[in-house]
Amino acid sequence: MKIFYSEEHRNHYPPYEVFDGGKRVEYFENPDRMDRILSALGKTDWAELIEPTDFGLDPILAVHDKDYLNFLASCWTEWLASDPEIAATPERHAFLPATFALRRKTNRPTSSLHGRGGYYMMDLSACIVAGTYKAALASANCALSAASSSFIFQNSSFALCRPPGHHAGKDYAGGYCFINNASVAANWLSSKGKVALLDIDYHGGNGTQDIFYERADVLTISIHGDPDYEYPHYTGFVDETGAGAGLGFHRNFPLPKDTGDEGYLTALDEALEMIREFAPNHLVLSTGMDTFDGDPLGKFHVTREGFAEIGKRIAGLKLPTAIIMEGGYANEELGTNVVTLLENFK
């Protein structure tokens, strides 16, 4: 199996993030996650590590707002230029706004940097540092490379993306995500036939939902913790099923706390039946492993045996599949969990 990976992600490593209640903690979405996965892949005889191709900005701009990308590209240098104290010790800092825009039809980004930050960022985990933008571009290129490979060879490939992407919307960052890698890949594939995008990350794929909500050529499905108790809180409910041309082409499966293998697989089977009825040419799989029992950012109890069965059932669709890495923060088990799922697609 071709594994698309870039070392560029190491330059995105914020010194902290801010949890609910204002608690500053070490950044959970860190390079160690990739090292654990790389180590596990290195013990297999089927993983072929490949540098991604640079697809340029056009496939990303087909999904994301140009002014938003410009903000990501210039934010850090503009911030350093505005504050000599921060510029003197940049390694101790991360750009975060203190005020967030309440989106209304009359809202627009302001000219101030922090005003734009509050407009283009949805939370305090999408921290921007010097290497964030280039890492996000490389991550998107990993996803595009996997999509291209799966299209050309009509098989499955894996994009080992960092930072992840499914919380990033058309014009906002959030939840460790800056560019929506899976959506960029799915949109690129959509010019070649119908696409289904299945999100199995623990947290609802709000950005993906936002991007495709009014489209009928990409079926989007997310299985996740119920937003009544879980991030991202304001979207991911069962009655959100698309709008306009996309009505009926989005589906959320919000599951209760403590969902284990049986409950998860029941929802998955229903999702897979929807995909079969849609009859896509390609599948994009947003693969979060934070459904794992004991993940510090999740409340599900999916086991390693559960991941094996999840992989087996999705691979049973027999579709060319671009598998895109999203979350998963139980680092010690992360690599083995990823390999357990991927083995079904090789």
Protein backbone atom coordinates (compact mmCIF):
# COMPACT_ATOMS: atom_id res chain seq x y z
CA MET A 1 0.00 0.00 0.00
CA LYS A 2 1.24 3.47 -0.89
CA ILE A 3 1.58 5.73 2.18
CA PHE A 4 1.90 9.45 1.40
CA TYR A 5 3.79 11.34 4.09
CA SER A 6 5.77 14.58 4.48
CA GLU A 7 8.21 15.56 7.22
CA GLU A 8 6.97 19.14 6.87
CA HIS A 9 4.45 18.48 9.66
CA ARG A 10 7.23 18.66 12.29
CA ASN A 11 7.44 22.43 11.82
CA HIS A 12 3.87 22.75 13.10
CA TYR A 13 4.22 22.17 16.83
CA PRO A 14 2.50 24.82 18.96
CA PRO A 15 3.85 25.06 22.52
CA TYR A 16 0.34 24.80 24.02
CA GLU A 17 -3.39 24.88 23.41
CA VAL A 18 -6.22 26.12 25.65
CA PHE A 19 -8.87 23.75 27.00
CA ASP A 20 -12.35 24.56 28.31
CA GLY A 21 -12.09 26.70 31.42
CA GLY A 22 -8.96 28.43 30.15
CA LYS A 23 -6.55 25.63 31.10
CA ARG A 24 -3.32 25.79 29.08
CA VAL A 25 -2.04 22.30 28.20
CA GLU A 26 0.58 20.70 25.99
CA TYR A 27 -0.54 20.35 22.38
CA PHE A 28 -2.27 16.99 21.97
CA GLU A 29 -1.98 16.96 18.17
CA ASN A 30 1.81 16.59 18.16
CA PRO A 31 4.55 15.01 16.00
CA ASP A 32 4.77 11.98 18.30
CA ARG A 33 1.49 10.81 16.78
CA MET A 34 3.15 10.45 13.38
CA ASP A 35 6.22 8.78 14.85
CA ARG A 36 4.07 6.09 16.47
CA ILE A 37 2.27 5.42 13.20
CA LEU A 38 5.49 5.41 11.17
CA SER A 39 7.04 2.95 13.62
CA ALA A 40 4.10 0.56 13.30
CA LEU A 41 4.03 0.85 9.51
CA GLY A 42 7.77 0.14 9.43
CA LYS A 43 7.14 -3.27 10.98
CA THR A 44 4.88 -4.35 8.10
CA ASP A 45 5.95 -5.73 4.72
CA TRP A 46 3.33 -3.84 2.72
CA ALA A 47 3.75 -0.12 3.53
CA GLU A 48 5.51 1.93 0.83
CA LEU A 49 6.32 5.45 2.10
CA ILE A 50 6.16 8.12 -0.63
CA GLU A 51 6.65 11.90 -0.66
CA PRO A 52 3.49 13.70 -1.81
CA THR A 53 3.25 15.51 -5.14
CA ASP A 54 2.74 19.28 -5.02
CA PHE A 55 -0.65 19.90 -6.62
CA GLY A 56 -0.46 23.69 -6.22
CA LEU A 57 -3.17 25.86 -4.72
CA ASP A 58 -5.94 25.32 -7.27
CA PRO A 59 -7.39 22.11 -5.73
CA ILE A 60 -7.33 23.77 -2.30
CA LEU A 61 -8.93 26.99 -3.54
CA ALA A 62 -11.67 24.88 -5.10
CA VAL A 63 -12.72 24.09 -1.52
CA HIS A 64 -11.44 26.97 0.64
CA ASP A 65 -11.93 30.74 0.54
CA LYS A 66 -8.97 32.64 -0.92
CA ASP A 67 -8.93 35.33 1.79
CA TYR A 68 -8.92 32.62 4.45
CA LEU A 69 -5.89 30.94 2.87
CA ASN A 70 -4.17 34.32 2.66
CA PHE A 71 -4.78 34.75 6.37
CA LEU A 72 -3.20 31.36 7.13
CA ALA A 73 -0.21 32.21 4.95
CA SER A 74 0.51 35.64 6.44
CA CYS A 75 -0.77 35.43 10.03
CA TRP A 76 2.45 34.42 11.78
CA THR A 77 4.81 36.87 10.06
CA GLU A 78 2.30 39.70 10.46
CA TRP A 79 1.94 38.93 14.18
CA LEU A 80 5.69 38.86 14.78
CA ALA A 81 6.11 42.14 12.92
CA SER A 82 3.48 43.75 15.16
CA ASP A 83 5.06 42.78 18.52
CA PRO A 84 8.83 42.92 19.16
CA GLU A 85 8.47 41.00 22.45
CA ILE A 86 6.89 38.01 20.69
CA ALA A 87 9.41 38.23 17.86
CA ALA A 88 12.23 37.93 20.40
CA THR A 89 10.98 34.54 21.70
CA PRO A 90 8.72 33.10 18.96
CA GLU A 91 9.16 29.50 20.17
CA ARG A 92 7.20 30.33 23.34
CA HIS A 93 4.15 31.66 21.53
CA ALA A 94 1.24 30.63 19.34
CA PHE A 95 -1.21 32.94 17.62
CA LEU A 96 -4.71 32.74 19.08
CA PRO A 97 -7.50 35.34 19.09
CA ALA A 98 -9.37 36.35 22.23
CA THR A 99 -12.59 37.37 20.49
CA PHE A 100 -14.59 35.20 18.09
CA ALA A 101 -17.08 36.40 15.49
CA LEU A 102 -20.75 35.55 15.88
CA ARG A 103 -21.45 34.72 12.22
CA ARG A 104 -24.28 36.72 10.72
CA LYS A 105 -25.01 37.77 7.16
CA THR A 106 -23.46 41.18 7.77
CA ASN A 107 -20.27 39.78 9.33
CA ARG A 108 -16.97 40.26 7.55
CA PRO A 109 -13.36 40.04 8.68
CA THR A 110 -11.90 43.27 10.06
CA SER A 111 -8.59 44.83 9.10
CA SER A 112 -6.91 44.01 12.43
CA LEU A 113 -4.99 40.74 12.70
CA HIS A 114 -6.78 39.58 15.85
CA GLY A 115 -10.11 40.55 14.31
CA ARG A 116 -9.34 38.36 11.30
CA GLY A 117 -8.15 35.63 13.67
CA GLY A 118 -11.47 35.61 15.50
CA TYR A 119 -13.30 35.51 12.18
CA TYR A 120 -11.27 32.71 10.59
CA MET A 121 -10.74 30.53 13.69
CA MET A 122 -13.44 28.72 15.67
CA ASP A 123 -11.59 27.68 18.83
CA LEU A 124 -8.39 27.70 20.87
CA SER A 125 -6.85 24.49 19.53
CA ALA A 126 -6.14 25.72 15.99
CA CYS A 127 -2.94 27.41 17.12
CA ILE A 128 -0.79 29.02 14.44
CA VAL A 129 3.02 29.01 14.58
CA ALA A 130 5.74 29.65 12.02
CA GLY A 131 5.43 26.30 10.24
CA THR A 132 1.65 25.89 10.32
CA TYR A 133 0.76 27.02 6.81
CA LYS A 134 3.44 25.00 5.02
CA ALA A 135 2.58 21.94 7.12
CA ALA A 136 -1.09 22.33 6.22
CA LEU A 137 -0.23 22.59 2.51
CA ALA A 138 1.92 19.46 2.70
CA SER A 139 -0.87 17.64 4.52
CA ALA A 140 -3.35 18.56 1.79
CA ASN A 141 -0.88 17.35 -0.84
CA CYS A 142 -0.65 14.01 0.97
CA ALA A 143 -4.43 13.68 0.67
CA LEU A 144 -4.43 14.71 -3.00
CA SER A 145 -1.61 12.27 -3.74
CA ALA A 146 -3.57 9.44 -2.12
CA ALA A 147 -6.68 10.39 -4.10
CA SER A 148 -4.70 10.49 -7.33
CA SER A 149 -3.05 7.14 -6.61
CA SER A 150 -6.34 5.48 -5.77
CA PHE A 151 -7.88 6.87 -8.96
CA ILE A 152 -5.00 5.80 -11.21
CA PHE A 153 -4.51 2.34 -9.74
CA GLN A 154 -8.12 1.77 -8.62
CA ASN A 155 -6.96 0.61 -5.20
CA SER A 156 -6.56 1.98 -1.69
CA SER A 157 -3.86 4.30 -0.40
CA PHE A 158 -3.17 6.11 2.86
CA ALA A 159 -2.48 9.81 3.41
CA LEU A 160 -0.62 10.16 6.71
CA CYS A 161 -1.81 13.73 7.19
CA ARG A 162 -0.74 16.10 9.90
CA PRO A 163 -2.25 18.52 10.71
CA PRO A 164 -5.63 16.80 10.28
CA GLY A 165 -8.44 18.50 8.39
CA HIS A 166 -12.07 17.58 8.97
CA HIS A 167 -12.91 20.46 11.35
CA ALA A 168 -11.70 23.09 8.85
CA GLY A 169 -14.56 24.69 6.93
CA LYS A 170 -14.58 26.77 3.78
CA ASP A 171 -13.21 29.79 5.61
CA TYR A 172 -12.28 28.76 9.13
CA ALA A 173 -9.82 26.68 11.14
CA GLY A 174 -10.67 24.66 14.23
CA GLY A 175 -9.98 21.47 16.14
CA TYR A 176 -6.29 21.24 15.10
CA CYS A 177 -7.40 21.59 11.44
CA PHE A 178 -6.52 24.29 8.89
CA ILE A 179 -7.10 22.82 5.43
CA ASN A 180 -9.76 20.15 5.04
CA ASN A 181 -7.59 17.42 3.53
CA ALA A 182 -10.37 14.87 2.98
CA SER A 183 -12.66 17.45 1.38
CA VAL A 184 -9.90 18.65 -0.93
CA ALA A 185 -9.31 15.04 -1.99
CA ALA A 186 -13.03 14.30 -2.39
CA ASN A 187 -13.63 17.45 -4.42
CA TRP A 188 -10.70 16.57 -6.70
CA LEU A 189 -12.11 13.07 -7.22
CA SER A 190 -15.62 14.41 -7.84
CA SER A 191 -14.60 15.56 -11.32
CA LYS A 192 -13.99 11.89 -12.15
CA GLY A 193 -17.23 10.42 -10.79
CA LYS A 194 -19.45 10.28 -7.72
CA VAL A 195 -17.68 10.26 -4.35
CA ALA A 196 -18.69 9.10 -0.89
CA LEU A 197 -16.88 10.59 2.09
CA LEU A 198 -17.19 8.61 5.31
CA ASP A 199 -15.85 10.19 8.52
CA ILE A 200 -15.11 7.73 11.35
CA ASP A 201 -13.32 10.18 13.64
CA TYR A 202 -14.76 10.46 17.15
CA HIS A 203 -15.56 14.15 16.66
CA GLY A 204 -18.13 15.29 14.11
CA GLY A 205 -16.72 16.41 10.77
CA ASN A 206 -18.25 19.87 10.86
CA GLY A 207 -15.95 21.34 8.22
CA THR A 208 -16.66 18.55 5.77
CA GLN A 209 -20.39 18.92 6.38
CA ASP A 210 -20.11 22.65 5.75
CA ILE A 211 -18.21 22.24 2.49
CA PHE A 212 -20.50 19.69 0.80
CA TYR A 213 -23.84 20.49 2.45
CA GLU A 214 -25.51 21.76 -0.72
CA ARG A 215 -23.98 19.26 -3.16
CA ALA A 216 -25.40 16.00 -4.49
CA ASP A 217 -22.27 14.64 -6.19
CA VAL A 218 -20.49 13.90 -2.88
CA LEU A 219 -22.32 11.88 -0.23
CA THR A 220 -20.99 12.81 3.22
CA ILE A 221 -21.52 10.71 6.35
CA SER A 222 -20.12 11.27 9.84
CA ILE A 223 -20.26 8.83 12.77
CA HIS A 224 -19.32 10.66 15.96
CA GLY A 225 -19.97 11.59 19.56
CA ASP A 226 -23.30 13.36 19.97
CA PRO A 227 -22.74 17.15 19.87
CA ASP A 228 -25.12 17.46 22.81
CA TYR A 229 -22.11 16.51 24.93
CA GLU A 230 -19.12 16.56 22.58
CA TYR A 231 -17.06 18.94 20.42
CA PRO A 232 -17.79 20.64 18.05
CA HIS A 233 -21.12 21.09 19.91
CA TYR A 234 -23.04 23.22 17.40
CA THR A 235 -23.28 20.87 14.42
CA GLY A 236 -23.45 17.15 13.72
CA PHE A 237 -27.07 16.52 14.73
CA VAL A 238 -29.21 13.83 13.14
CA ASP A 239 -31.64 16.29 11.53
CA GLU A 240 -28.86 17.96 9.47
CA THR A 241 -29.28 16.17 6.14
CA GLY A 242 -28.14 18.68 3.52
CA ALA A 243 -29.80 21.64 1.82
CA GLY A 244 -30.78 22.68 -1.70
CA ALA A 245 -29.38 20.25 -4.25
CA GLY A 246 -27.63 18.45 -1.39
CA LEU A 247 -30.77 17.63 0.58
CA GLY A 248 -30.54 13.98 1.56
CA PHE A 249 -26.86 13.71 0.68
CA HIS A 250 -25.51 14.27 4.17
CA ARG A 251 -26.06 12.06 7.19
CA ASN A 252 -24.90 12.33 10.80
CA PHE A 253 -24.80 9.41 13.23
CA PRO A 254 -24.43 11.09 16.67
CA LEU A 255 -23.76 8.31 19.17
CA PRO A 256 -24.05 8.35 22.97
CA LYS A 257 -21.23 8.32 25.50
CA ASP A 258 -19.67 4.92 26.15
CA THR A 259 -20.49 3.53 22.71
CA GLY A 260 -18.51 0.33 22.19
CA ASP A 261 -17.87 -2.04 19.29
CA GLU A 262 -21.44 -3.29 18.95
CA GLY A 263 -23.12 0.12 18.92
CA TYR A 264 -20.49 1.56 16.60
CA LEU A 265 -20.71 -1.29 14.10
CA THR A 266 -24.49 -1.03 14.01
CA ALA A 267 -24.22 2.62 12.94
CA LEU A 268 -21.42 1.76 10.50
CA ASP A 269 -23.54 -0.91 8.80
CA GLU A 270 -26.31 1.63 8.20
CA ALA A 271 -23.78 4.11 6.81
CA LEU A 272 -22.29 1.49 4.49
CA GLU A 273 -25.74 0.60 3.17
CA MET A 274 -26.27 4.27 2.29
CA ILE A 275 -22.96 4.27 0.42
CA ARG A 276 -23.93 1.14 -1.53
CA GLU A 277 -27.24 2.74 -2.55
CA PHE A 278 -25.40 5.91 -3.64
CA ALA A 279 -23.08 3.72 -5.79
CA PRO A 280 -20.02 6.02 -5.81
CA ASN A 281 -16.96 5.56 -7.98
CA HIS A 282 -14.61 6.42 -5.13
CA LEU A 283 -14.51 6.50 -1.33
CA VAL A 284 -12.67 8.98 0.87
CA LEU A 285 -12.29 7.78 4.46
CA SER A 286 -11.62 10.36 7.16
CA THR A 287 -9.87 8.08 9.63
CA GLY A 288 -9.79 9.19 13.24
CA MET A 289 -8.69 6.67 15.85
CA ASP A 290 -9.97 8.66 18.83
CA THR A 291 -12.96 6.32 19.11
CA PHE A 292 -10.48 3.98 20.85
CA ASP A 293 -11.23 2.93 24.41
CA GLY A 294 -9.04 5.15 26.59
CA ASP A 295 -8.36 7.96 24.12
CA PRO A 296 -7.87 11.11 26.23
CA LEU A 297 -10.11 13.19 23.93
CA GLY A 298 -12.88 10.63 23.41
CA LYS A 299 -15.62 8.86 25.33
CA PHE A 300 -16.15 5.76 23.18
CA HIS A 301 -14.85 2.25 23.90
CA VAL A 302 -13.96 0.84 20.48
CA THR A 303 -11.36 -1.93 20.84
CA ARG A 304 -8.53 -3.02 18.57
CA GLU A 305 -10.73 -5.92 17.49
CA GLY A 306 -13.38 -3.30 16.73
CA PHE A 307 -10.97 -1.44 14.42
CA ALA A 308 -10.21 -4.69 12.59
CA GLU A 309 -13.93 -5.22 11.98
CA ILE A 310 -14.49 -1.57 11.00
CA GLY A 311 -11.72 -1.86 8.43
CA LYS A 312 -13.03 -5.19 7.14
CA ARG A 313 -16.57 -3.88 6.64
CA ILE A 314 -15.50 -0.66 4.91
CA ALA A 315 -13.03 -2.51 2.66
CA GLY A 316 -15.95 -4.82 1.82
CA LEU A 317 -17.39 -1.98 -0.28
CA LYS A 318 -14.61 -2.83 -2.77
CA LEU A 319 -14.17 0.82 -3.75
CA PRO A 320 -10.93 2.64 -4.58
CA THR A 321 -10.35 4.35 -1.25
CA ALA A 322 -8.25 7.34 -0.22
CA ILE A 323 -7.74 6.88 3.52
CA ILE A 324 -7.02 10.22 5.18
CA MET A 325 -5.56 10.47 8.70
CA GLU A 326 -7.52 12.63 11.12
CA GLY A 327 -7.41 12.40 14.95
CA GLY A 328 -6.37 9.85 17.55
CA TYR A 329 -4.48 10.78 20.72
CA ALA A 330 -3.84 7.55 22.63
CA ASN A 331 -0.33 7.71 21.23
CA GLU A 332 1.05 4.49 22.65
CA GLU A 333 -1.62 2.46 20.88
CA LEU A 334 -2.11 4.74 17.88
CA GLY A 335 0.29 3.09 15.46
CA THR A 336 -0.98 -0.43 16.10
CA ASN A 337 -4.59 0.74 15.80
CA VAL A 338 -3.92 2.41 12.45
CA VAL A 339 -2.16 -0.66 11.06
CA THR A 340 -4.99 -2.90 12.33
CA LEU A 341 -7.49 -0.90 10.27
CA LEU A 342 -5.27 -0.47 7.19
CA GLU A 343 -4.44 -4.17 6.88
CA ASN A 344 -7.91 -4.72 5.45
CA PHE A 345 -7.22 -2.45 2.46
CA LYS A 346 -3.79 -3.68 1.29
